[in-house]
Amino acid sequence: MYLFVVFVFLLLSRGAMGNESNRIIGQPVYPGEEPRSKVINGYRVIRGERPPIDYNYISTDAWEEGVLLVKFSRHTERHLHENPPYTDRHGVTRFNLIEIDNLNAAFSVQEVTQYFHTPALRNNHTERHKAWGFHLWYKFHVDKGADILRMMEAYLALPDIEMAQPVFRKTLISGEKMTARQSEDATTRKSSDTWLPNDPDFNDQWHYSNTGQTGGTTGADISMPEAWSRETGHNDVIVAIIDSGVDHTHEDLAENMWPNIGYNFASNTETIVPGNHGTHVAGTVAAVSNNSVGVSGIAGGDGSSDGVQLMSLQVFSQAGNDGFHLAPV
């Protein structure tokens, strides 16, 4: 059985303690009276919980070297639009904001890029993106030996900066290759309160329906046949697989793939490079059910082309990983 999470964004934070021993640095500061829900540019923006996390308990190996994520305060919006960052003759990036430019010089900030700038979004920020502040996020590039926590604390002390945090590493835990065995004699089994597909490997998916077939505990499952008696999937629903690439030509997946397949954020191209893990997760979500091939997907339909659509948003590749922040947008 594979337990999976289609997408989890863990913002781990480690804070260096200053003179105030009870103060954790690195956490966003939200005044108690400030509402979590606001209307900005006509869009309702609801901010989720961001509990303070102490960086002291996290190894520096947890984040990428030489990069810091910085979000500017909303009041700098017009200035940033009218004054794009540039590199001076000393190789330091400047914004024409004195305090920030001084820190950029002190930490030798060599390059700055907009964090949510991508060809997938046509290199543009819509009004909705701006309401959520995506255009205010920048990635600061410095020497790999730079003290990212000290740098983070320095920028957080400035009124022009709302947030700052490292770029955390993401690691793919490999999955087995998804195979599709075909059945010559398979039948769909139905009753008033259960629905069972005819896929030949369904019986091996004990986590869907555990009858003790592998020596496990009968009933220790997610009661999938009972859920299927109510709904097997719907092709109006699109599920994004934010993972390694999905094998969109796989015989047990192709019918349920989104027509445009997806996007490769790891390489900033439209070419999806299939990976075992992403393909396996896609199969768990929506392998075509009741087609006498391979396994059954949780929302793979009933064999009449009515499963959910799978969109492959690739963020893991052999060449490198990227786009975890962009894929959900």
C-alpha atoms as a PDB file:
ATOM      1  CA  MET A   1       0.000   0.000   0.000  1.00  0.00           C
ATOM      2  CA  TYR A   2       1.275   3.427  -0.866  1.00  0.00           C
ATOM      3  CA  LEU A   3       0.352   6.334   1.302  1.00  0.00           C
ATOM      4  CA  PHE A   4       0.759   9.464  -0.717  1.00  0.00           C
ATOM      5  CA  VAL A   5       0.217  13.162  -0.608  1.00  0.00           C
ATOM      6  CA  VAL A   6      -0.461  14.819  -3.953  1.00  0.00           C
ATOM      7  CA  PHE A   7       0.828  18.057  -2.702  1.00  0.00           C
ATOM      8  CA  VAL A   8       2.233  19.148   0.642  1.00  0.00           C
ATOM      9  CA  PHE A   9       3.970  22.450   1.092  1.00  0.00           C
ATOM     10  CA  LEU A  10       5.967  22.314   4.341  1.00  0.00           C
ATOM     11  CA  LEU A  11       7.252  25.696   5.452  1.00  0.00           C
ATOM     12  CA  LEU A  12       9.820  24.679   8.005  1.00  0.00           C
ATOM     13  CA  SER A  13      11.536  27.513   9.734  1.00  0.00           C
ATOM     14  CA  ARG A  14      14.529  27.676  12.014  1.00  0.00           C
ATOM     15  CA  GLY A  15      15.074  30.856  14.020  1.00  0.00           C
ATOM     16  CA  ALA A  16      18.289  32.194  15.448  1.00  0.00           C
ATOM     17  CA  MET A  17      17.731  33.586  18.907  1.00  0.00           C
ATOM     18  CA  GLY A  18      18.721  37.154  19.501  1.00  0.00           C
ATOM     19  CA  ASN A  19      19.061  39.035  22.780  1.00  0.00           C
ATOM     20  CA  GLU A  20      15.357  38.474  23.433  1.00  0.00           C
ATOM     21  CA  SER A  21      15.568  34.807  24.408  1.00  0.00           C
ATOM     22  CA  ASN A  22      11.843  34.177  23.867  1.00  0.00           C
ATOM     23  CA  ARG A  23      11.774  35.662  20.396  1.00  0.00           C
ATOM     24  CA  ILE A  24      11.798  33.348  17.397  1.00  0.00           C
ATOM     25  CA  ILE A  25      13.055  35.036  14.261  1.00  0.00           C
ATOM     26  CA  GLY A  26      11.898  34.170  10.784  1.00  0.00           C
ATOM     27  CA  GLN A  27       8.199  34.077  11.536  1.00  0.00           C
ATOM     28  CA  PRO A  28       5.782  36.450   9.800  1.00  0.00           C
ATOM     29  CA  VAL A  29       4.426  39.047  12.174  1.00  0.00           C
ATOM     30  CA  TYR A  30       0.686  39.570  11.993  1.00  0.00           C
ATOM     31  CA  PRO A  31      -0.737  42.105  14.452  1.00  0.00           C
ATOM     32  CA  GLY A  32      -3.484  40.545  16.544  1.00  0.00           C
ATOM     33  CA  GLU A  33      -6.107  42.976  15.349  1.00  0.00           C
ATOM     34  CA  GLU A  34      -5.385  42.400  11.670  1.00  0.00           C
ATOM     35  CA  PRO A  35      -8.137  40.305  10.019  1.00  0.00           C
ATOM     36  CA  ARG A  36      -7.156  37.068   8.302  1.00  0.00           C
ATOM     37  CA  SER A  37      -9.597  37.819   5.474  1.00  0.00           C
ATOM     38  CA  LYS A  38      -9.257  40.909   3.295  1.00  0.00           C
ATOM     39  CA  VAL A  39     -10.650  42.168   0.008  1.00  0.00           C
ATOM     40  CA  ILE A  40      -7.777  43.318  -2.232  1.00  0.00           C
ATOM     41  CA  ASN A  41      -8.289  44.425  -5.848  1.00  0.00           C
ATOM     42  CA  GLY A  42     -11.822  43.047  -5.605  1.00  0.00           C
ATOM     43  CA  TYR A  43     -10.643  39.567  -4.547  1.00  0.00           C
ATOM     44  CA  ARG A  44     -11.124  38.062  -1.114  1.00  0.00           C
ATOM     45  CA  VAL A  45      -7.758  36.964   0.242  1.00  0.00           C
ATOM     46  CA  ILE A  46      -7.898  34.520   3.141  1.00  0.00           C
ATOM     47  CA  ARG A  47      -4.617  34.006   4.927  1.00  0.00           C
ATOM     48  CA  GLY A  48      -4.003  30.601   6.500  1.00  0.00           C
ATOM     49  CA  GLU A  49      -2.372  29.866   9.838  1.00  0.00           C
ATOM     50  CA  ARG A  50       1.412  30.242   9.954  1.00  0.00           C
ATOM     51  CA  PRO A  51       2.479  29.209  13.454  1.00  0.00           C
ATOM     52  CA  PRO A  52       5.924  30.333  14.600  1.00  0.00           C
ATOM     53  CA  ILE A  53       8.598  27.688  14.024  1.00  0.00           C
ATOM     54  CA  ASP A  54      12.037  27.798  15.589  1.00  0.00           C
ATOM     55  CA  TYR A  55      14.842  27.438  13.040  1.00  0.00           C
ATOM     56  CA  ASN A  56      17.246  26.347  15.799  1.00  0.00           C
ATOM     57  CA  TYR A  57      15.908  22.793  15.570  1.00  0.00           C
ATOM     58  CA  ILE A  58      16.443  22.437  11.819  1.00  0.00           C
ATOM     59  CA  SER A  59      19.748  21.577  10.163  1.00  0.00           C
ATOM     60  CA  THR A  60      21.120  24.034   7.624  1.00  0.00           C
ATOM     61  CA  ASP A  61      21.092  21.100   5.190  1.00  0.00           C
ATOM     62  CA  ALA A  62      17.304  21.495   5.086  1.00  0.00           C
ATOM     63  CA  TRP A  63      17.501  24.489   2.741  1.00  0.00           C
ATOM     64  CA  GLU A  64      19.264  25.453  -0.466  1.00  0.00           C
ATOM     65  CA  GLU A  65      22.552  27.300  -0.215  1.00  0.00           C
ATOM     66  CA  GLY A  66      22.875  30.822  -1.522  1.00  0.00           C
ATOM     67  CA  VAL A  67      19.209  31.774  -1.898  1.00  0.00           C
ATOM     68  CA  LEU A  68      16.703  33.654   0.247  1.00  0.00           C
ATOM     69  CA  LEU A  69      13.025  34.253  -0.478  1.00  0.00           C
ATOM     70  CA  VAL A  70      11.842  37.766   0.289  1.00  0.00           C
ATOM     71  CA  LYS A  71       8.350  39.235   0.143  1.00  0.00           C
ATOM     72  CA  PHE A  72       8.123  43.023   0.008  1.00  0.00           C
ATOM     73  CA  SER A  73       5.477  44.902   1.955  1.00  0.00           C
ATOM     74  CA  ARG A  74       2.376  46.005   0.082  1.00  0.00           C
ATOM     75  CA  HIS A  75       3.291  49.697   0.356  1.00  0.00           C
ATOM     76  CA  THR A  76       6.327  49.133  -1.929  1.00  0.00           C
ATOM     77  CA  GLU A  77       4.154  47.873  -4.796  1.00  0.00           C
ATOM     78  CA  ARG A  78       4.168  51.033  -6.888  1.00  0.00           C
ATOM     79  CA  HIS A  79       7.873  51.667  -6.304  1.00  0.00           C
ATOM     80  CA  LEU A  80       8.806  48.141  -7.412  1.00  0.00           C
ATOM     81  CA  HIS A  81       6.695  48.529 -10.543  1.00  0.00           C
ATOM     82  CA  GLU A  82       8.337  51.843 -11.433  1.00  0.00           C
ATOM     83  CA  ASN A  83      11.853  50.835 -10.338  1.00  0.00           C
ATOM     84  CA  PRO A  84      12.759  47.324 -11.514  1.00  0.00           C
ATOM     85  CA  PRO A  85      15.859  45.904  -9.820  1.00  0.00           C
ATOM     86  CA  TYR A  86      19.159  46.488 -11.609  1.00  0.00           C
ATOM     87  CA  THR A  87      22.798  45.540 -11.119  1.00  0.00           C
ATOM     88  CA  ASP A  88      25.263  48.333 -10.345  1.00  0.00           C
ATOM     89  CA  ARG A  89      28.899  48.525 -11.517  1.00  0.00           C
ATOM     90  CA  HIS A  90      30.000  46.559  -8.447  1.00  0.00           C
ATOM     91  CA  GLY A  91      27.737  43.644  -9.325  1.00  0.00           C
ATOM     92  CA  VAL A  92      25.230  44.353  -6.548  1.00  0.00           C
ATOM     93  CA  THR A  93      21.481  44.268  -7.213  1.00  0.00           C
ATOM     94  CA  ARG A  94      19.625  47.435  -6.224  1.00  0.00           C
ATOM     95  CA  PHE A  95      15.961  48.469  -5.885  1.00  0.00           C
ATOM     96  CA  ASN A  96      16.497  52.202  -5.185  1.00  0.00           C
ATOM     97  CA  LEU A  97      15.300  51.526  -1.635  1.00  0.00           C
ATOM     98  CA  ILE A  98      18.150  52.712   0.605  1.00  0.00           C
ATOM     99  CA  GLU A  99      17.879  50.239   3.497  1.00  0.00           C
ATOM    100  CA  ILE A 100      17.385  47.264   1.211  1.00  0.00           C
ATOM    101  CA  ASP A 101      20.152  48.358  -1.149  1.00  0.00           C
ATOM    102  CA  ASN A 102      22.525  48.699   1.823  1.00  0.00           C
ATOM    103  CA  LEU A 103      21.774  45.129   2.906  1.00  0.00           C
ATOM    104  CA  ASN A 104      22.122  43.909  -0.674  1.00  0.00           C
ATOM    105  CA  ALA A 105      25.612  45.417  -0.712  1.00  0.00           C
ATOM    106  CA  ALA A 106      26.461  43.992   2.720  1.00  0.00           C
ATOM    107  CA  PHE A 107      25.417  40.471   1.721  1.00  0.00           C
ATOM    108  CA  SER A 108      26.648  40.801  -1.892  1.00  0.00           C
ATOM    109  CA  VAL A 109      23.311  40.045  -3.500  1.00  0.00           C
ATOM    110  CA  GLN A 110      24.344  39.156  -7.037  1.00  0.00           C
ATOM    111  CA  GLU A 111      20.994  38.493  -8.674  1.00  0.00           C
ATOM    112  CA  VAL A 112      17.301  38.932  -7.941  1.00  0.00           C
ATOM    113  CA  THR A 113      14.449  37.197  -9.750  1.00  0.00           C
ATOM    114  CA  GLN A 114      10.691  37.396  -9.307  1.00  0.00           C
ATOM    115  CA  TYR A 115       9.728  34.151  -7.594  1.00  0.00           C
ATOM    116  CA  PHE A 116       6.363  33.658  -9.318  1.00  0.00           C
ATOM    117  CA  HIS A 117       7.553  34.698 -12.784  1.00  0.00           C
ATOM    118  CA  THR A 118       7.175  31.791 -15.218  1.00  0.00           C
ATOM    119  CA  PRO A 119       6.374  31.066 -18.874  1.00  0.00           C
ATOM    120  CA  ALA A 120       3.589  28.809 -17.597  1.00  0.00           C
ATOM    121  CA  LEU A 121       1.787  31.983 -16.462  1.00  0.00           C
ATOM    122  CA  ARG A 122       2.910  33.876 -19.594  1.00  0.00           C
ATOM    123  CA  ASN A 123       5.473  35.750 -17.474  1.00  0.00           C
ATOM    124  CA  ASN A 124       2.694  37.919 -16.184  1.00  0.00           C
ATOM    125  CA  HIS A 125       0.813  38.515 -12.953  1.00  0.00           C
ATOM    126  CA  THR A 126      -2.959  38.840 -13.175  1.00  0.00           C
ATOM    127  CA  GLU A 127      -4.907  41.117 -10.863  1.00  0.00           C
ATOM    128  CA  ARG A 128      -5.851  38.058  -8.852  1.00  0.00           C
ATOM    129  CA  HIS A 129      -2.182  37.086  -8.488  1.00  0.00           C
ATOM    130  CA  LYS A 130      -1.425  40.628  -7.348  1.00  0.00           C
ATOM    131  CA  ALA A 131      -4.222  40.505  -4.789  1.00  0.00           C
ATOM    132  CA  TRP A 132      -2.461  37.520  -3.227  1.00  0.00           C
ATOM    133  CA  GLY A 133       0.885  39.341  -3.406  1.00  0.00           C
ATOM    134  CA  PHE A 134       2.657  36.941  -5.767  1.00  0.00           C
ATOM    135  CA  HIS A 135       4.319  39.853  -7.557  1.00  0.00           C
ATOM    136  CA  LEU A 136       5.953  40.967  -4.294  1.00  0.00           C
ATOM    137  CA  TRP A 137       7.991  37.771  -3.883  1.00  0.00           C
ATOM    138  CA  TYR A 138      11.646  37.765  -4.992  1.00  0.00           C
ATOM    139  CA  LYS A 139      14.463  35.250  -4.840  1.00  0.00           C
ATOM    140  CA  PHE A 140      17.765  36.771  -3.704  1.00  0.00           C
ATOM    141  CA  HIS A 141      20.925  34.979  -4.897  1.00  0.00           C
ATOM    142  CA  VAL A 142      24.130  35.250  -2.841  1.00  0.00           C
ATOM    143  CA  ASP A 143      27.349  33.278  -2.371  1.00  0.00           C
ATOM    144  CA  LYS A 144      26.759  29.674  -1.298  1.00  0.00           C
ATOM    145  CA  GLY A 145      28.708  30.244   1.903  1.00  0.00           C
ATOM    146  CA  ALA A 146      26.459  33.115   3.045  1.00  0.00           C
ATOM    147  CA  ASP A 147      24.719  32.848   6.430  1.00  0.00           C
ATOM    148  CA  ILE A 148      21.110  32.638   5.254  1.00  0.00           C
ATOM    149  CA  LEU A 149      19.621  32.925   8.759  1.00  0.00           C
ATOM    150  CA  ARG A 150      21.597  36.075   9.581  1.00  0.00           C
ATOM    151  CA  MET A 151      20.597  37.494   6.213  1.00  0.00           C
ATOM    152  CA  MET A 152      16.953  36.597   6.827  1.00  0.00           C
ATOM    153  CA  GLU A 153      16.914  38.309  10.212  1.00  0.00           C
ATOM    154  CA  ALA A 154      18.463  41.468   8.768  1.00  0.00           C
ATOM    155  CA  TYR A 155      15.849  41.806   6.012  1.00  0.00           C
ATOM    156  CA  LEU A 156      12.962  41.025   8.361  1.00  0.00           C
ATOM    157  CA  ALA A 157      13.981  44.005  10.480  1.00  0.00           C
ATOM    158  CA  LEU A 158      13.154  46.397   7.621  1.00  0.00           C
ATOM    159  CA  PRO A 159       9.672  47.950   7.256  1.00  0.00           C
ATOM    160  CA  ASP A 160       9.753  47.347   3.492  1.00  0.00           C
ATOM    161  CA  ILE A 161       9.952  43.569   3.986  1.00  0.00           C
ATOM    162  CA  GLU A 162       6.938  41.498   5.043  1.00  0.00           C
ATOM    163  CA  MET A 163       8.452  38.026   4.976  1.00  0.00           C
ATOM    164  CA  ALA A 164      11.766  36.255   4.411  1.00  0.00           C
ATOM    165  CA  GLN A 165      12.616  32.557   4.478  1.00  0.00           C
ATOM    166  CA  PRO A 166      15.052  30.015   3.023  1.00  0.00           C
ATOM    167  CA  VAL A 167      14.258  27.834   0.040  1.00  0.00           C
ATOM    168  CA  PHE A 168      13.729  24.372   1.505  1.00  0.00           C
ATOM    169  CA  ARG A 169      14.964  21.227  -0.208  1.00  0.00           C
ATOM    170  CA  LYS A 170      12.424  18.726  -1.502  1.00  0.00           C
ATOM    171  CA  THR A 171      13.254  15.049  -1.902  1.00  0.00           C
ATOM    172  CA  LEU A 172      11.365  12.502  -3.954  1.00  0.00           C
ATOM    173  CA  ILE A 173      10.904   9.081  -2.369  1.00  0.00           C
ATOM    174  CA  SER A 174      10.878   6.743  -5.353  1.00  0.00           C
ATOM    175  CA  GLY A 175       7.901   4.525  -6.055  1.00  0.00           C
ATOM    176  CA  GLU A 176       7.676   1.273  -7.975  1.00  0.00           C
ATOM    177  CA  LYS A 177       6.946   1.310 -11.665  1.00  0.00           C
ATOM    178  CA  MET A 178       3.232   1.075 -12.408  1.00  0.00           C
ATOM    179  CA  THR A 179       2.415  -1.960 -14.524  1.00  0.00           C
ATOM    180  CA  ALA A 180      -0.879  -2.836 -16.181  1.00  0.00           C
ATOM    181  CA  ARG A 181      -1.812  -6.515 -16.235  1.00  0.00           C
ATOM    182  CA  GLN A 182      -4.739  -7.403 -18.477  1.00  0.00           C
ATOM    183  CA  SER A 183      -7.515  -9.801 -17.611  1.00  0.00           C
ATOM    184  CA  GLU A 184      -9.156 -12.184 -20.044  1.00  0.00           C
ATOM    185  CA  ASP A 185     -12.041 -13.092 -17.770  1.00  0.00           C
ATOM    186  CA  ALA A 186     -13.074 -10.234 -15.511  1.00  0.00           C
ATOM    187  CA  THR A 187     -16.507  -9.188 -14.437  1.00  0.00           C
ATOM    188  CA  THR A 188     -17.899  -6.141 -12.716  1.00  0.00           C
ATOM    189  CA  ARG A 189     -19.570  -6.973  -9.415  1.00  0.00           C
ATOM    190  CA  LYS A 190     -22.368  -4.777  -8.146  1.00  0.00           C
ATOM    191  CA  SER A 191     -24.743  -4.726  -5.226  1.00  0.00           C
ATOM    192  CA  SER A 192     -26.952  -2.065  -3.704  1.00  0.00           C
ATOM    193  CA  ASP A 193     -24.234  -0.854  -1.340  1.00  0.00           C
ATOM    194  CA  THR A 194     -20.982  -1.788  -3.101  1.00  0.00           C
ATOM    195  CA  TRP A 195     -19.427  -1.563  -6.566  1.00  0.00           C
ATOM    196  CA  LEU A 196     -16.430  -3.685  -7.585  1.00  0.00           C
ATOM    197  CA  PRO A 197     -14.484  -3.106 -10.827  1.00  0.00           C
ATOM    198  CA  ASN A 198     -13.196  -5.844 -13.120  1.00  0.00           C
ATOM    199  CA  ASP A 199      -9.546  -4.736 -13.070  1.00  0.00           C
ATOM    200  CA  PRO A 200      -7.281  -7.797 -12.636  1.00  0.00           C
ATOM    201  CA  ASP A 201      -5.059  -6.236  -9.962  1.00  0.00           C
ATOM    202  CA  PHE A 202      -7.906  -4.838  -7.883  1.00  0.00           C
ATOM    203  CA  ASN A 203      -7.679  -7.767  -5.472  1.00  0.00           C
ATOM    204  CA  ASP A 204      -4.075  -6.740  -4.677  1.00  0.00           C
ATOM    205  CA  GLN A 205      -5.269  -3.274  -3.655  1.00  0.00           C
ATOM    206  CA  TRP A 206      -6.140  -4.466  -0.170  1.00  0.00           C
ATOM    207  CA  HIS A 207      -6.185  -0.909   1.118  1.00  0.00           C
ATOM    208  CA  TYR A 208      -9.347  -0.373  -0.979  1.00  0.00           C
ATOM    209  CA  SER A 209     -11.129  -3.528   0.144  1.00  0.00           C
ATOM    210  CA  ASN A 210      -9.449  -5.786   2.701  1.00  0.00           C
ATOM    211  CA  THR A 211     -10.987  -9.238   2.901  1.00  0.00           C
ATOM    212  CA  GLY A 212      -7.862 -10.704   4.443  1.00  0.00           C
ATOM    213  CA  GLN A 213      -6.619 -11.704   0.992  1.00  0.00           C
ATOM    214  CA  THR A 214      -2.981 -10.955   1.910  1.00  0.00           C
ATOM    215  CA  GLY A 215      -3.187 -12.180   5.482  1.00  0.00           C
ATOM    216  CA  GLY A 216      -4.144  -8.778   6.866  1.00  0.00           C
ATOM    217  CA  THR A 217      -7.067  -7.677   8.995  1.00  0.00           C
ATOM    218  CA  THR A 218     -10.433  -7.903   7.298  1.00  0.00           C
ATOM    219  CA  GLY A 219     -12.022  -4.477   7.069  1.00  0.00           C
ATOM    220  CA  ALA A 220      -8.770  -2.543   7.587  1.00  0.00           C
ATOM    221  CA  ASP A 221      -9.253  -0.481   4.450  1.00  0.00           C
ATOM    222  CA  ILE A 222     -10.814   2.747   3.152  1.00  0.00           C
ATOM    223  CA  SER A 223     -14.156   1.126   2.217  1.00  0.00           C
ATOM    224  CA  MET A 224     -13.684   1.954  -1.449  1.00  0.00           C
ATOM    225  CA  PRO A 225     -16.438  -0.342  -2.838  1.00  0.00           C
ATOM    226  CA  GLU A 226     -18.988   1.372  -0.602  1.00  0.00           C
ATOM    227  CA  ALA A 227     -17.827   4.801  -1.794  1.00  0.00           C
ATOM    228  CA  TRP A 228     -17.901   3.638  -5.422  1.00  0.00           C
ATOM    229  CA  SER A 229     -21.534   2.674  -5.049  1.00  0.00           C
ATOM    230  CA  ARG A 230     -22.168   6.422  -4.758  1.00  0.00           C
ATOM    231  CA  GLU A 231     -19.532   7.889  -7.078  1.00  0.00           C
ATOM    232  CA  THR A 232     -16.723   6.461  -9.222  1.00  0.00           C
ATOM    233  CA  GLY A 233     -15.403   9.721 -10.650  1.00  0.00           C
ATOM    234  CA  HIS A 234     -16.444  12.591 -12.893  1.00  0.00           C
ATOM    235  CA  ASN A 235     -14.558  14.029 -15.857  1.00  0.00           C
ATOM    236  CA  ASP A 236     -15.564  17.588 -15.003  1.00  0.00           C
ATOM    237  CA  VAL A 237     -12.993  17.332 -12.204  1.00  0.00           C
ATOM    238  CA  ILE A 238      -9.292  17.938 -12.907  1.00  0.00           C
ATOM    239  CA  VAL A 239      -6.722  16.623 -10.422  1.00  0.00           C
ATOM    240  CA  ALA A 240      -3.180  18.027 -10.624  1.00  0.00           C
ATOM    241  CA  ILE A 241      -0.386  15.560  -9.850  1.00  0.00           C
ATOM    242  CA  ILE A 242       2.433  17.755  -8.515  1.00  0.00           C
ATOM    243  CA  ASP A 243       5.241  15.241  -8.520  1.00  0.00           C
ATOM    244  CA  SER A 244       7.574  13.648 -11.049  1.00  0.00           C
ATOM    245  CA  GLY A 245       6.070  13.444 -14.512  1.00  0.00           C
ATOM    246  CA  VAL A 246       3.068  11.234 -15.255  1.00  0.00           C
ATOM    247  CA  ASP A 247       3.365   8.683 -18.057  1.00  0.00           C
ATOM    248  CA  HIS A 248       0.439  10.066 -20.031  1.00  0.00           C
ATOM    249  CA  THR A 249       0.671   7.283 -22.633  1.00  0.00           C
ATOM    250  CA  HIS A 250       0.289   4.517 -20.032  1.00  0.00           C
ATOM    251  CA  GLU A 251      -2.522   2.177 -21.099  1.00  0.00           C
ATOM    252  CA  ASP A 252      -4.241   2.433 -17.730  1.00  0.00           C
ATOM    253  CA  LEU A 253      -3.952   6.248 -17.547  1.00  0.00           C
ATOM    254  CA  ALA A 254      -4.179   7.674 -21.077  1.00  0.00           C
ATOM    255  CA  GLU A 255      -7.967   7.762 -21.184  1.00  0.00           C
ATOM    256  CA  ASN A 256      -8.121   9.853 -18.015  1.00  0.00           C
ATOM    257  CA  MET A 257      -5.384  12.356 -18.892  1.00  0.00           C
ATOM    258  CA  TRP A 258      -6.236  16.056 -19.203  1.00  0.00           C
ATOM    259  CA  PRO A 259      -6.136  16.903 -22.969  1.00  0.00           C
ATOM    260  CA  ASN A 260      -3.229  19.356 -22.582  1.00  0.00           C
ATOM    261  CA  ILE A 261      -1.300  16.843 -20.417  1.00  0.00           C
ATOM    262  CA  GLY A 262       0.354  19.434 -18.142  1.00  0.00           C
ATOM    263  CA  TYR A 263       3.556  21.436 -17.667  1.00  0.00           C
ATOM    264  CA  ASN A 264       7.129  20.669 -16.634  1.00  0.00           C
ATOM    265  CA  PHE A 265       8.052  23.281 -14.028  1.00  0.00           C
ATOM    266  CA  ALA A 266      11.400  21.600 -13.373  1.00  0.00           C
ATOM    267  CA  SER A 267      12.618  22.533 -16.867  1.00  0.00           C
ATOM    268  CA  ASN A 268      10.128  25.311 -17.733  1.00  0.00           C
ATOM    269  CA  THR A 269       8.883  23.440 -20.789  1.00  0.00           C
ATOM    270  CA  GLU A 270       5.689  21.711 -21.890  1.00  0.00           C
ATOM    271  CA  THR A 271       7.531  18.398 -22.222  1.00  0.00           C
ATOM    272  CA  ILE A 272       6.572  15.948 -19.471  1.00  0.00           C
ATOM    273  CA  VAL A 273       9.266  13.388 -18.631  1.00  0.00           C
ATOM    274  CA  PRO A 274       7.552  10.356 -17.052  1.00  0.00           C
ATOM    275  CA  GLY A 275       8.657   9.246 -13.595  1.00  0.00           C
ATOM    276  CA  ASN A 276       7.720   6.185 -11.560  1.00  0.00           C
ATOM    277  CA  HIS A 277       6.468   8.104  -8.527  1.00  0.00           C
ATOM    278  CA  GLY A 278       4.262  10.586 -10.366  1.00  0.00           C
ATOM    279  CA  THR A 279       2.853   7.818 -12.527  1.00  0.00           C
ATOM    280  CA  HIS A 280       2.117   5.652  -9.490  1.00  0.00           C
ATOM    281  CA  VAL A 281       0.354   8.502  -7.685  1.00  0.00           C
ATOM    282  CA  ALA A 282      -1.660   9.254 -10.820  1.00  0.00           C
ATOM    283  CA  GLY A 283      -2.698   5.608 -10.930  1.00  0.00           C
ATOM    284  CA  THR A 284      -3.859   5.719  -7.331  1.00  0.00           C
ATOM    285  CA  VAL A 285      -5.942   8.793  -8.090  1.00  0.00           C
ATOM    286  CA  ALA A 286      -7.412   7.814 -11.430  1.00  0.00           C
ATOM    287  CA  ALA A 287      -6.152   4.720 -13.178  1.00  0.00           C
ATOM    288  CA  VAL A 288      -9.016   3.833 -15.515  1.00  0.00           C
ATOM    289  CA  SER A 289     -11.305   1.570 -13.501  1.00  0.00           C
ATOM    290  CA  ASN A 290     -13.388  -1.297 -14.831  1.00  0.00           C
ATOM    291  CA  ASN A 291     -11.446  -1.608 -18.094  1.00  0.00           C
ATOM    292  CA  SER A 292     -10.057  -5.105 -17.436  1.00  0.00           C
ATOM    293  CA  VAL A 293      -6.536  -3.627 -17.287  1.00  0.00           C
ATOM    294  CA  GLY A 294      -4.174  -3.190 -14.353  1.00  0.00           C
ATOM    295  CA  VAL A 295      -5.369  -1.489 -11.169  1.00  0.00           C
ATOM    296  CA  SER A 296      -8.355   0.629 -10.176  1.00  0.00           C
ATOM    297  CA  GLY A 297      -8.149   4.335  -9.471  1.00  0.00           C
ATOM    298  CA  ILE A 298      -9.988   5.975  -6.592  1.00  0.00           C
ATOM    299  CA  ALA A 299     -11.749   8.274  -9.069  1.00  0.00           C
ATOM    300  CA  GLY A 300     -11.001   6.367 -12.277  1.00  0.00           C
ATOM    301  CA  GLY A 301     -14.634   6.099 -13.417  1.00  0.00           C
ATOM    302  CA  ASP A 302     -16.713   3.040 -14.210  1.00  0.00           C
ATOM    303  CA  GLY A 303     -15.219   2.228 -17.593  1.00  0.00           C
ATOM    304  CA  SER A 304     -17.379   4.644 -19.586  1.00  0.00           C
ATOM    305  CA  SER A 305     -14.769   7.437 -19.915  1.00  0.00           C
ATOM    306  CA  ASP A 306     -16.078   9.235 -16.841  1.00  0.00           C
ATOM    307  CA  GLY A 307     -13.030   9.282 -14.568  1.00  0.00           C
ATOM    308  CA  VAL A 308     -11.469  12.504 -13.282  1.00  0.00           C
ATOM    309  CA  GLN A 309      -8.904  14.155 -15.553  1.00  0.00           C
ATOM    310  CA  LEU A 310      -5.247  13.937 -14.549  1.00  0.00           C
ATOM    311  CA  MET A 311      -3.014  16.968 -15.078  1.00  0.00           C
ATOM    312  CA  SER A 312       0.730  16.319 -14.777  1.00  0.00           C
ATOM    313  CA  LEU A 313       2.575  19.224 -13.149  1.00  0.00           C
ATOM    314  CA  GLN A 314       6.171  18.045 -13.030  1.00  0.00           C
ATOM    315  CA  VAL A 315       8.392  19.476 -10.300  1.00  0.00           C
ATOM    316  CA  PHE A 316      10.862  16.601  -9.907  1.00  0.00           C
ATOM    317  CA  SER A 317      13.347  15.554 -12.595  1.00  0.00           C
ATOM    318  CA  GLN A 318      16.767  13.926 -12.808  1.00  0.00           C
ATOM    319  CA  ALA A 319      18.256  17.274 -13.821  1.00  0.00           C
ATOM    320  CA  GLY A 320      16.816  19.166 -10.843  1.00  0.00           C
ATOM    321  CA  ASN A 321      13.698  20.096  -8.918  1.00  0.00           C
ATOM    322  CA  ASP A 322      11.756  23.346  -9.195  1.00  0.00           C
ATOM    323  CA  GLY A 323       8.340  24.940  -9.451  1.00  0.00           C
ATOM    324  CA  PHE A 324       6.762  23.711  -6.210  1.00  0.00           C
ATOM    325  CA  HIS A 325       5.470  27.230  -5.553  1.00  0.00           C
ATOM    326  CA  LEU A 326       4.272  27.711  -9.133  1.00  0.00           C
ATOM    327  CA  ALA A 327       2.415  24.472  -9.804  1.00  0.00           C
ATOM    328  CA  PRO A 328      -0.514  25.234  -7.437  1.00  0.00           C
ATOM    329  CA  VAL A 329      -0.991  28.678  -9.020  1.00  0.00           C
END
